[in-house]
């Protein structure tokens, strides 16, 4: 009896597994096809991630590529595997690929009008990949934000700001809006510090102090060389500007703060004062008395 029940259960499961549903005159799907469809998608995604990890850990560190090339190779390989897996999954599902091509072509125009922003972001993603105006690891300024590029995807990119938050930016914005790449052609970043001293200060002494404090900082490079200029005569101060260079892009704000502190302390020791605007108000009492009369 147990064997009879077992055979009946197995037969019932086989019937369900091989049962088919007719979608239209040319397409029929089955439970078996649905399971294989999901399994194929899963294997494609897993294989894409494995190949990406293999490239980043084994191939890219050993072979010297041009700037941004590893990211392009990794992205193309990953999406190629996923695309092939998706096509294979539709095949095992029982979808007629010729009919699917016609359907996609017919819906393409309508979908295009409804998903203009998405298509724009996708095209912008390919522009970022092949033209390479920004790359993973670059420090960029966009709008009021500044941060490091963590990932460039097909639709959007991830920027990690200095406060630790990760901003997901649509690729269309990175292409259409103004963007400053601080490390596009050179990893060395310039730091500018403006400072004013009171009239009567020795300009050469101020310049020497600014340059010396920058050279004493461990994160300021020796090449390019640090320099300072006498920028001009202000309304209430002599204006100077310090130019220093660093390779520590992500520590730029910290370095600026440390230089400001060092300069302030050096000015204090040299008895060089930093002025602030003062307004004098003169009241003519004689005019007031004549008005009252």
C-alpha atoms as a PDB file:
ATOM      1  CA  UNK A   1       0.000   0.000   0.000  1.00  0.00           C
ATOM      2  CA  UNK A   2       2.862   2.347   0.842  1.00  0.00           C
ATOM      3  CA  UNK A   3       4.369   1.785  -2.593  1.00  0.00           C
ATOM      4  CA  UNK A   4       1.004   2.337  -4.238  1.00  0.00           C
ATOM      5  CA  UNK A   5       0.599   5.692  -2.429  1.00  0.00           C
ATOM      6  CA  UNK A   6       4.200   6.651  -3.274  1.00  0.00           C
ATOM      7  CA  UNK A   7       3.634   5.909  -6.951  1.00  0.00           C
ATOM      8  CA  UNK A   8       0.441   7.926  -6.978  1.00  0.00           C
ATOM      9  CA  UNK A   9       2.142  10.930  -5.310  1.00  0.00           C
ATOM     10  CA  UNK A  10       5.114  10.762  -7.681  1.00  0.00           C
ATOM     11  CA  UNK A  11       2.776  10.497 -10.653  1.00  0.00           C
ATOM     12  CA  UNK A  12       0.752  13.467  -9.416  1.00  0.00           C
ATOM     13  CA  UNK A  13       3.913  15.587  -8.978  1.00  0.00           C
ATOM     14  CA  UNK A  14       5.137  14.596 -12.449  1.00  0.00           C
ATOM     15  CA  UNK A  15       1.814  15.629 -13.953  1.00  0.00           C
ATOM     16  CA  UNK A  16       2.035  19.025 -12.236  1.00  0.00           C
ATOM     17  CA  UNK A  17       5.686  19.432 -13.188  1.00  0.00           C
ATOM     18  CA  UNK A  18       4.999  18.696 -16.855  1.00  0.00           C
ATOM     19  CA  UNK A  19       1.638  20.446 -17.029  1.00  0.00           C
ATOM     20  CA  UNK A  20       1.470  23.211 -19.602  1.00  0.00           C
ATOM     21  CA  UNK A  21      -0.453  26.440 -19.951  1.00  0.00           C
ATOM     22  CA  UNK A  22      -1.171  27.967 -23.308  1.00  0.00           C
ATOM     23  CA  UNK A  23      -0.468  31.709 -23.352  1.00  0.00           C
ATOM     24  CA  UNK A  24      -1.350  32.195 -27.029  1.00  0.00           C
ATOM     25  CA  UNK A  25      -1.405  30.208 -30.248  1.00  0.00           C
ATOM     26  CA  UNK A  26       2.414  30.052 -30.440  1.00  0.00           C
ATOM     27  CA  UNK A  27       3.559  30.127 -26.796  1.00  0.00           C
ATOM     28  CA  UNK A  28       3.091  27.452 -24.140  1.00  0.00           C
ATOM     29  CA  UNK A  29       4.739  27.509 -20.715  1.00  0.00           C
ATOM     30  CA  UNK A  30       5.036  24.857 -18.022  1.00  0.00           C
ATOM     31  CA  UNK A  31       5.961  24.635 -14.344  1.00  0.00           C
ATOM     32  CA  UNK A  32       9.182  22.999 -15.407  1.00  0.00           C
ATOM     33  CA  UNK A  33       9.932  25.947 -17.671  1.00  0.00           C
ATOM     34  CA  UNK A  34       9.164  28.465 -14.900  1.00  0.00           C
ATOM     35  CA  UNK A  35      11.534  26.669 -12.500  1.00  0.00           C
ATOM     36  CA  UNK A  36      14.286  26.501 -15.129  1.00  0.00           C
ATOM     37  CA  UNK A  37      13.676  30.175 -15.948  1.00  0.00           C
ATOM     38  CA  UNK A  38      14.286  31.230 -12.341  1.00  0.00           C
ATOM     39  CA  UNK A  39      17.251  28.894 -11.995  1.00  0.00           C
ATOM     40  CA  UNK A  40      18.873  30.236 -15.173  1.00  0.00           C
ATOM     41  CA  UNK A  41      18.460  33.856 -14.017  1.00  0.00           C
ATOM     42  CA  UNK A  42      19.939  32.998 -10.624  1.00  0.00           C
ATOM     43  CA  UNK A  43      22.937  31.190 -12.146  1.00  0.00           C
ATOM     44  CA  UNK A  44      23.577  34.068 -14.569  1.00  0.00           C
ATOM     45  CA  UNK A  45      23.605  36.656 -11.772  1.00  0.00           C
ATOM     46  CA  UNK A  46      25.795  34.431  -9.576  1.00  0.00           C
ATOM     47  CA  UNK A  47      28.226  33.785 -12.434  1.00  0.00           C
ATOM     48  CA  UNK A  48      28.409  37.516 -13.244  1.00  0.00           C
ATOM     49  CA  UNK A  49      29.288  38.349  -9.646  1.00  0.00           C
ATOM     50  CA  UNK A  50      31.852  35.533  -9.483  1.00  0.00           C
ATOM     51  CA  UNK A  51      33.547  36.663 -12.713  1.00  0.00           C
ATOM     52  CA  UNK A  52      33.598  40.255 -11.465  1.00  0.00           C
ATOM     53  CA  UNK A  53      35.238  39.191  -8.205  1.00  0.00           C
ATOM     54  CA  UNK A  54      37.742  37.034 -10.115  1.00  0.00           C
ATOM     55  CA  UNK A  55      38.702  39.915 -12.390  1.00  0.00           C
ATOM     56  CA  UNK A  56      39.058  42.447  -9.564  1.00  0.00           C
ATOM     57  CA  UNK A  57      41.029  40.142  -7.253  1.00  0.00           C
ATOM     58  CA  UNK A  58      43.154  38.120  -9.690  1.00  0.00           C
ATOM     59  CA  UNK A  59      43.483  39.750 -13.123  1.00  0.00           C
ATOM     60  CA  UNK A  60      43.376  43.525 -12.628  1.00  0.00           C
ATOM     61  CA  UNK A  61      46.035  43.704  -9.857  1.00  0.00           C
ATOM     62  CA  UNK A  62      48.498  41.712 -12.016  1.00  0.00           C
ATOM     63  CA  UNK A  63      47.954  43.396 -15.390  1.00  0.00           C
ATOM     64  CA  UNK A  64      48.506  47.113 -15.938  1.00  0.00           C
ATOM     65  CA  UNK A  65      45.524  48.760 -17.612  1.00  0.00           C
ATOM     66  CA  UNK A  66      44.841  52.367 -18.555  1.00  0.00           C
ATOM     67  CA  UNK A  67      42.810  54.656 -16.363  1.00  0.00           C
ATOM     68  CA  UNK A  68      39.251  53.376 -16.036  1.00  0.00           C
ATOM     69  CA  UNK A  69      39.756  50.327 -18.296  1.00  0.00           C
ATOM     70  CA  UNK A  70      39.286  47.708 -15.517  1.00  0.00           C
ATOM     71  CA  UNK A  71      35.916  49.195 -14.623  1.00  0.00           C
ATOM     72  CA  UNK A  72      34.785  49.105 -18.267  1.00  0.00           C
ATOM     73  CA  UNK A  73      35.872  45.466 -18.710  1.00  0.00           C
ATOM     74  CA  UNK A  74      34.180  44.393 -15.488  1.00  0.00           C
ATOM     75  CA  UNK A  75      30.933  46.183 -16.336  1.00  0.00           C
ATOM     76  CA  UNK A  76      30.727  44.879 -19.919  1.00  0.00           C
ATOM     77  CA  UNK A  77      31.479  41.288 -18.896  1.00  0.00           C
ATOM     78  CA  UNK A  78      28.942  41.418 -16.074  1.00  0.00           C
ATOM     79  CA  UNK A  79      26.055  42.751 -18.144  1.00  0.00           C
ATOM     80  CA  UNK A  80      26.919  40.489 -21.083  1.00  0.00           C
ATOM     81  CA  UNK A  81      26.611  37.406 -18.873  1.00  0.00           C
ATOM     82  CA  UNK A  82      23.334  38.631 -17.390  1.00  0.00           C
ATOM     83  CA  UNK A  83      21.914  39.425 -20.848  1.00  0.00           C
ATOM     84  CA  UNK A  84      22.857  35.993 -22.221  1.00  0.00           C
ATOM     85  CA  UNK A  85      21.371  34.366 -19.128  1.00  0.00           C
ATOM     86  CA  UNK A  86      18.112  36.293 -19.574  1.00  0.00           C
ATOM     87  CA  UNK A  87      17.830  35.233 -23.227  1.00  0.00           C
ATOM     88  CA  UNK A  88      18.502  31.581 -22.306  1.00  0.00           C
ATOM     89  CA  UNK A  89      15.936  31.746 -19.514  1.00  0.00           C
ATOM     90  CA  UNK A  90      13.275  32.953 -21.948  1.00  0.00           C
ATOM     91  CA  UNK A  91      14.168  30.100 -24.272  1.00  0.00           C
ATOM     92  CA  UNK A  92      13.790  27.413 -21.574  1.00  0.00           C
ATOM     93  CA  UNK A  93      10.532  29.073 -20.505  1.00  0.00           C
ATOM     94  CA  UNK A  94       9.170  28.361 -23.959  1.00  0.00           C
ATOM     95  CA  UNK A  95       8.954  31.899 -25.323  1.00  0.00           C
ATOM     96  CA  UNK A  96       9.227  32.191 -29.096  1.00  0.00           C
ATOM     97  CA  UNK A  97      12.125  34.601 -29.599  1.00  0.00           C
ATOM     98  CA  UNK A  98      10.957  35.722 -33.044  1.00  0.00           C
ATOM     99  CA  UNK A  99       7.573  36.737 -31.618  1.00  0.00           C
ATOM    100  CA  UNK A 100       9.293  38.415 -28.676  1.00  0.00           C
ATOM    101  CA  UNK A 101      11.441  40.517 -31.006  1.00  0.00           C
ATOM    102  CA  UNK A 102       8.377  41.756 -32.853  1.00  0.00           C
ATOM    103  CA  UNK A 103       6.600  42.523 -29.573  1.00  0.00           C
ATOM    104  CA  UNK A 104       9.574  44.480 -28.207  1.00  0.00           C
ATOM    105  CA  UNK A 105       9.790  46.466 -31.422  1.00  0.00           C
ATOM    106  CA  UNK A 106       6.081  47.305 -31.294  1.00  0.00           C
ATOM    107  CA  UNK A 107       6.221  48.375 -27.654  1.00  0.00           C
ATOM    108  CA  UNK A 108       9.529  50.197 -28.003  1.00  0.00           C
ATOM    109  CA  UNK A 109       8.037  53.472 -29.144  1.00  0.00           C
ATOM    110  CA  UNK A 110       5.369  53.547 -26.467  1.00  0.00           C
ATOM    111  CA  UNK A 111       7.767  52.516 -23.715  1.00  0.00           C
ATOM    112  CA  UNK A 112      10.246  55.113 -24.934  1.00  0.00           C
ATOM    113  CA  UNK A 113       7.781  57.957 -24.330  1.00  0.00           C
ATOM    114  CA  UNK A 114       6.896  56.673 -20.871  1.00  0.00           C
ATOM    115  CA  UNK A 115      10.465  55.974 -19.762  1.00  0.00           C
ATOM    116  CA  UNK A 116      12.374  58.883 -21.230  1.00  0.00           C
ATOM    117  CA  UNK A 117      14.272  59.573 -18.004  1.00  0.00           C
ATOM    118  CA  UNK A 118      15.255  55.921 -17.632  1.00  0.00           C
ATOM    119  CA  UNK A 119      16.485  55.698 -21.215  1.00  0.00           C
ATOM    120  CA  UNK A 120      18.356  58.977 -20.792  1.00  0.00           C
ATOM    121  CA  UNK A 121      20.102  57.584 -17.706  1.00  0.00           C
ATOM    122  CA  UNK A 122      20.970  54.357 -19.508  1.00  0.00           C
ATOM    123  CA  UNK A 123      22.502  56.199 -22.470  1.00  0.00           C
ATOM    124  CA  UNK A 124      24.344  58.517 -20.073  1.00  0.00           C
ATOM    125  CA  UNK A 125      25.686  55.441 -18.296  1.00  0.00           C
ATOM    126  CA  UNK A 126      27.250  54.178 -21.523  1.00  0.00           C
ATOM    127  CA  UNK A 127      28.707  57.644 -22.156  1.00  0.00           C
ATOM    128  CA  UNK A 128      30.315  57.615 -18.698  1.00  0.00           C
ATOM    129  CA  UNK A 129      31.676  54.129 -19.310  1.00  0.00           C
ATOM    130  CA  UNK A 130      33.262  54.744 -22.697  1.00  0.00           C
ATOM    131  CA  UNK A 131      34.194  58.444 -22.579  1.00  0.00           C
ATOM    132  CA  UNK A 132      35.361  58.120 -18.958  1.00  0.00           C
ATOM    133  CA  UNK A 133      34.952  61.722 -17.737  1.00  0.00           C
ATOM    134  CA  UNK A 134      34.804  60.229 -14.234  1.00  0.00           C
ATOM    135  CA  UNK A 135      36.074  56.939 -12.869  1.00  0.00           C
ATOM    136  CA  UNK A 136      35.742  54.940  -9.694  1.00  0.00           C
ATOM    137  CA  UNK A 137      37.984  56.570  -7.100  1.00  0.00           C
ATOM    138  CA  UNK A 138      37.743  60.094  -8.550  1.00  0.00           C
ATOM    139  CA  UNK A 139      36.815  62.986  -6.274  1.00  0.00           C
ATOM    140  CA  UNK A 140      34.129  65.152  -7.847  1.00  0.00           C
ATOM    141  CA  UNK A 141      31.993  68.189  -7.087  1.00  0.00           C
ATOM    142  CA  UNK A 142      28.404  68.237  -8.340  1.00  0.00           C
ATOM    143  CA  UNK A 143      25.979  70.874  -7.192  1.00  0.00           C
ATOM    144  CA  UNK A 144      26.621  71.566  -3.523  1.00  0.00           C
ATOM    145  CA  UNK A 145      27.988  68.074  -2.890  1.00  0.00           C
ATOM    146  CA  UNK A 146      31.521  66.739  -2.996  1.00  0.00           C
ATOM    147  CA  UNK A 147      32.660  63.139  -2.656  1.00  0.00           C
ATOM    148  CA  UNK A 148      34.388  60.074  -4.017  1.00  0.00           C
ATOM    149  CA  UNK A 149      32.980  57.957  -6.865  1.00  0.00           C
ATOM    150  CA  UNK A 150      32.318  54.490  -5.412  1.00  0.00           C
ATOM    151  CA  UNK A 151      30.530  52.833  -8.331  1.00  0.00           C
ATOM    152  CA  UNK A 152      29.433  53.657 -11.876  1.00  0.00           C
ATOM    153  CA  UNK A 153      26.417  51.671 -13.041  1.00  0.00           C
ATOM    154  CA  UNK A 154      24.339  51.602 -16.192  1.00  0.00           C
ATOM    155  CA  UNK A 155      21.469  53.679 -14.735  1.00  0.00           C
ATOM    156  CA  UNK A 156      23.026  55.489 -11.764  1.00  0.00           C
ATOM    157  CA  UNK A 157      26.285  56.012  -9.906  1.00  0.00           C
ATOM    158  CA  UNK A 158      27.133  56.011  -6.200  1.00  0.00           C
ATOM    159  CA  UNK A 159      29.041  58.946  -4.703  1.00  0.00           C
ATOM    160  CA  UNK A 160      30.300  58.743  -1.119  1.00  0.00           C
ATOM    161  CA  UNK A 161      30.413  62.189   0.481  1.00  0.00           C
ATOM    162  CA  UNK A 162      32.748  63.306   3.256  1.00  0.00           C
ATOM    163  CA  UNK A 163      30.049  62.877   5.903  1.00  0.00           C
ATOM    164  CA  UNK A 164      29.926  59.159   5.072  1.00  0.00           C
ATOM    165  CA  UNK A 165      26.588  59.118   3.260  1.00  0.00           C
ATOM    166  CA  UNK A 166      26.267  57.405  -0.118  1.00  0.00           C
ATOM    167  CA  UNK A 167      24.391  59.428  -2.716  1.00  0.00           C
ATOM    168  CA  UNK A 168      22.792  57.615  -5.661  1.00  0.00           C
ATOM    169  CA  UNK A 169      22.974  60.017  -8.605  1.00  0.00           C
ATOM    170  CA  UNK A 170      21.198  59.314 -11.942  1.00  0.00           C
ATOM    171  CA  UNK A 171      23.770  59.214 -14.719  1.00  0.00           C
ATOM    172  CA  UNK A 172      21.777  61.762 -16.707  1.00  0.00           C
ATOM    173  CA  UNK A 173      22.582  64.416 -14.105  1.00  0.00           C
ATOM    174  CA  UNK A 174      26.292  63.614 -14.183  1.00  0.00           C
ATOM    175  CA  UNK A 175      26.288  64.170 -17.959  1.00  0.00           C
ATOM    176  CA  UNK A 176      23.927  67.140 -18.365  1.00  0.00           C
ATOM    177  CA  UNK A 177      24.811  69.226 -15.291  1.00  0.00           C
ATOM    178  CA  UNK A 178      28.077  70.932 -14.434  1.00  0.00           C
ATOM    179  CA  UNK A 179      30.525  68.609 -12.730  1.00  0.00           C
ATOM    180  CA  UNK A 180      34.069  69.231 -11.489  1.00  0.00           C
ATOM    181  CA  UNK A 181      36.441  66.253 -11.454  1.00  0.00           C
ATOM    182  CA  UNK A 182      39.172  67.192  -9.005  1.00  0.00           C
ATOM    183  CA  UNK A 183      41.363  64.213  -9.971  1.00  0.00           C
ATOM    184  CA  UNK A 184      40.677  63.797 -13.700  1.00  0.00           C
ATOM    185  CA  UNK A 185      44.200  64.123 -15.080  1.00  0.00           C
ATOM    186  CA  UNK A 186      46.268  64.518 -11.919  1.00  0.00           C
ATOM    187  CA  UNK A 187      45.802  63.006  -8.434  1.00  0.00           C
ATOM    188  CA  UNK A 188      47.438  66.078  -6.895  1.00  0.00           C
ATOM    189  CA  UNK A 189      44.879  68.504  -5.478  1.00  0.00           C
ATOM    190  CA  UNK A 190      45.454  72.206  -4.855  1.00  0.00           C
ATOM    191  CA  UNK A 191      44.384  73.823  -1.588  1.00  0.00           C
ATOM    192  CA  UNK A 192      43.796  77.581  -1.555  1.00  0.00           C
ATOM    193  CA  UNK A 193      43.678  79.586   1.670  1.00  0.00           C
ATOM    194  CA  UNK A 194      42.789  83.283   1.687  1.00  0.00           C
ATOM    195  CA  UNK A 195      43.895  85.411   4.618  1.00  0.00           C
ATOM    196  CA  UNK A 196      43.989  89.122   5.384  1.00  0.00           C
ATOM    197  CA  UNK A 197      46.325  91.060   7.689  1.00  0.00           C
ATOM    198  CA  UNK A 198      46.049  94.564   9.007  1.00  0.00           C
ATOM    199  CA  UNK A 199      47.636  97.506   7.208  1.00  0.00           C
ATOM    200  CA  UNK A 200      51.150  98.032   8.570  1.00  0.00           C
ATOM    201  CA  UNK A 201      52.043  94.329   8.329  1.00  0.00           C
ATOM    202  CA  UNK A 202      55.178  93.369   6.401  1.00  0.00           C
ATOM    203  CA  UNK A 203      53.897  91.571   3.256  1.00  0.00           C
ATOM    204  CA  UNK A 204      57.095  89.581   2.792  1.00  0.00           C
ATOM    205  CA  UNK A 205      56.990  88.363   6.377  1.00  0.00           C
ATOM    206  CA  UNK A 206      53.378  87.258   5.928  1.00  0.00           C
ATOM    207  CA  UNK A 207      54.256  85.352   2.737  1.00  0.00           C
ATOM    208  CA  UNK A 208      57.201  83.641   4.445  1.00  0.00           C
ATOM    209  CA  UNK A 209      54.988  82.534   7.340  1.00  0.00           C
ATOM    210  CA  UNK A 210      52.298  81.159   5.023  1.00  0.00           C
ATOM    211  CA  UNK A 211      54.785  79.162   2.940  1.00  0.00           C
ATOM    212  CA  UNK A 212      56.653  77.869   6.006  1.00  0.00           C
ATOM    213  CA  UNK A 213      53.500  76.601   7.740  1.00  0.00           C
ATOM    214  CA  UNK A 214      52.425  74.776   4.574  1.00  0.00           C
ATOM    215  CA  UNK A 215      55.849  73.165   4.128  1.00  0.00           C
ATOM    216  CA  UNK A 216      55.802  71.945   7.727  1.00  0.00           C
ATOM    217  CA  UNK A 217      52.575  70.002   7.154  1.00  0.00           C
ATOM    218  CA  UNK A 218      53.325  66.293   6.444  1.00  0.00           C
ATOM    219  CA  UNK A 219      50.552  65.901   3.847  1.00  0.00           C
ATOM    220  CA  UNK A 220      51.602  68.873   1.690  1.00  0.00           C
ATOM    221  CA  UNK A 221      53.713  67.780  -1.295  1.00  0.00           C
ATOM    222  CA  UNK A 222      57.110  69.198  -2.184  1.00  0.00           C
ATOM    223  CA  UNK A 223      56.366  69.034  -5.902  1.00  0.00           C
ATOM    224  CA  UNK A 224      54.513  71.139  -7.018  1.00  0.00           C
ATOM    225  CA  UNK A 225      56.046  73.633  -4.649  1.00  0.00           C
ATOM    226  CA  UNK A 226      53.955  75.606  -2.178  1.00  0.00           C
ATOM    227  CA  UNK A 227      53.794  79.354  -2.750  1.00  0.00           C
ATOM    228  CA  UNK A 228      51.890  82.422  -1.561  1.00  0.00           C
ATOM    229  CA  UNK A 229      51.033  85.716  -3.242  1.00  0.00           C
ATOM    230  CA  UNK A 230      50.191  89.241  -2.122  1.00  0.00           C
ATOM    231  CA  UNK A 231      46.723  89.308  -3.630  1.00  0.00           C
ATOM    232  CA  UNK A 232      45.872  92.978  -3.253  1.00  0.00           C
ATOM    233  CA  UNK A 233      44.682  95.844  -1.068  1.00  0.00           C
ATOM    234  CA  UNK A 234      41.306  95.364   0.555  1.00  0.00           C
ATOM    235  CA  UNK A 235      39.045  97.889   2.260  1.00  0.00           C
ATOM    236  CA  UNK A 236      40.432  97.045   5.678  1.00  0.00           C
ATOM    237  CA  UNK A 237      43.153  94.423   5.104  1.00  0.00           C
ATOM    238  CA  UNK A 238      46.127  93.331   3.005  1.00  0.00           C
ATOM    239  CA  UNK A 239      44.955  90.217   1.195  1.00  0.00           C
ATOM    240  CA  UNK A 240      47.135  87.137   0.680  1.00  0.00           C
ATOM    241  CA  UNK A 241      46.514  83.721  -0.864  1.00  0.00           C
ATOM    242  CA  UNK A 242      48.350  80.482  -0.103  1.00  0.00           C
ATOM    243  CA  UNK A 243      48.604  77.688  -2.677  1.00  0.00           C
ATOM    244  CA  UNK A 244      49.478  74.245  -1.297  1.00  0.00           C
ATOM    245  CA  UNK A 245      49.251  70.797  -2.924  1.00  0.00           C
ATOM    246  CA  UNK A 246      48.391  67.392  -1.543  1.00  0.00           C
ATOM    247  CA  UNK A 247      47.843  63.804  -2.637  1.00  0.00           C
ATOM    248  CA  UNK A 248      45.406  63.180   0.214  1.00  0.00           C
ATOM    249  CA  UNK A 249      42.269  64.116  -1.701  1.00  0.00           C
ATOM    250  CA  UNK A 250      39.839  62.736   0.842  1.00  0.00           C
ATOM    251  CA  UNK A 251      41.634  64.575   3.655  1.00  0.00           C
ATOM    252  CA  UNK A 252      41.561  67.949   1.932  1.00  0.00           C
ATOM    253  CA  UNK A 253      39.165  69.570   4.402  1.00  0.00           C
ATOM    254  CA  UNK A 254      41.164  68.316   7.378  1.00  0.00           C
ATOM    255  CA  UNK A 255      44.429  69.588   5.880  1.00  0.00           C
ATOM    256  CA  UNK A 256      42.863  73.001   5.210  1.00  0.00           C
ATOM    257  CA  UNK A 257      41.702  73.205   8.821  1.00  0.00           C
ATOM    258  CA  UNK A 258      45.124  72.233  10.164  1.00  0.00           C
ATOM    259  CA  UNK A 259      46.837  74.811   7.958  1.00  0.00           C
ATOM    260  CA  UNK A 260      44.426  77.516   9.132  1.00  0.00           C
ATOM    261  CA  UNK A 261      45.175  76.665  12.761  1.00  0.00           C
ATOM    262  CA  UNK A 262      48.943  76.684  12.147  1.00  0.00           C
ATOM    263  CA  UNK A 263      48.789  80.029  10.311  1.00  0.00           C
ATOM    264  CA  UNK A 264      46.659  81.605  13.050  1.00  0.00           C
ATOM    265  CA  UNK A 265      49.127  80.475  15.720  1.00  0.00           C
ATOM    266  CA  UNK A 266      52.129  81.684  13.678  1.00  0.00           C
ATOM    267  CA  UNK A 267      50.513  85.090  13.158  1.00  0.00           C
ATOM    268  CA  UNK A 268      49.827  85.314  16.885  1.00  0.00           C
ATOM    269  CA  UNK A 269      53.462  84.573  17.735  1.00  0.00           C
ATOM    270  CA  UNK A 270      54.707  87.104  15.137  1.00  0.00           C
ATOM    271  CA  UNK A 271      52.245  89.737  16.442  1.00  0.00           C
ATOM    272  CA  UNK A 272      50.540  89.929  13.029  1.00  0.00           C
ATOM    273  CA  UNK A 273      46.893  90.794  13.470  1.00  0.00           C
ATOM    274  CA  UNK A 274      43.972  89.704  11.329  1.00  0.00           C
ATOM    275  CA  UNK A 275      41.614  92.710  11.050  1.00  0.00           C
ATOM    276  CA  UNK A 276      37.850  92.750  10.926  1.00  0.00           C
ATOM    277  CA  UNK A 277      35.577  95.352   9.355  1.00  0.00           C
ATOM    278  CA  UNK A 278      34.813  98.369  11.506  1.00  0.00           C
ATOM    279  CA  UNK A 279      32.188 101.014  10.725  1.00  0.00           C
ATOM    280  CA  UNK A 280      32.294 104.481  12.245  1.00  0.00           C
ATOM    281  CA  UNK A 281      29.016 106.288  12.895  1.00  0.00           C
ATOM    282  CA  UNK A 282      29.283 110.074  13.133  1.00  0.00           C
ATOM    283  CA  UNK A 283      26.341 112.057  14.535  1.00  0.00           C
ATOM    284  CA  UNK A 284      26.289 115.826  14.018  1.00  0.00           C
ATOM    285  CA  UNK A 285      24.423 117.223  17.023  1.00  0.00           C
ATOM    286  CA  UNK A 286      24.493 120.806  15.736  1.00  0.00           C
ATOM    287  CA  UNK A 287      22.397 119.844  12.698  1.00  0.00           C
ATOM    288  CA  UNK A 288      19.923 118.172  14.996  1.00  0.00           C
ATOM    289  CA  UNK A 289      19.545 121.278  17.152  1.00  0.00           C
ATOM    290  CA  UNK A 290      18.969 123.498  14.131  1.00  0.00           C
ATOM    291  CA  UNK A 291      16.291 121.096  12.890  1.00  0.00           C
ATOM    292  CA  UNK A 292      14.476 121.243  16.242  1.00  0.00           C
ATOM    293  CA  UNK A 293      14.459 125.054  16.138  1.00  0.00           C
END
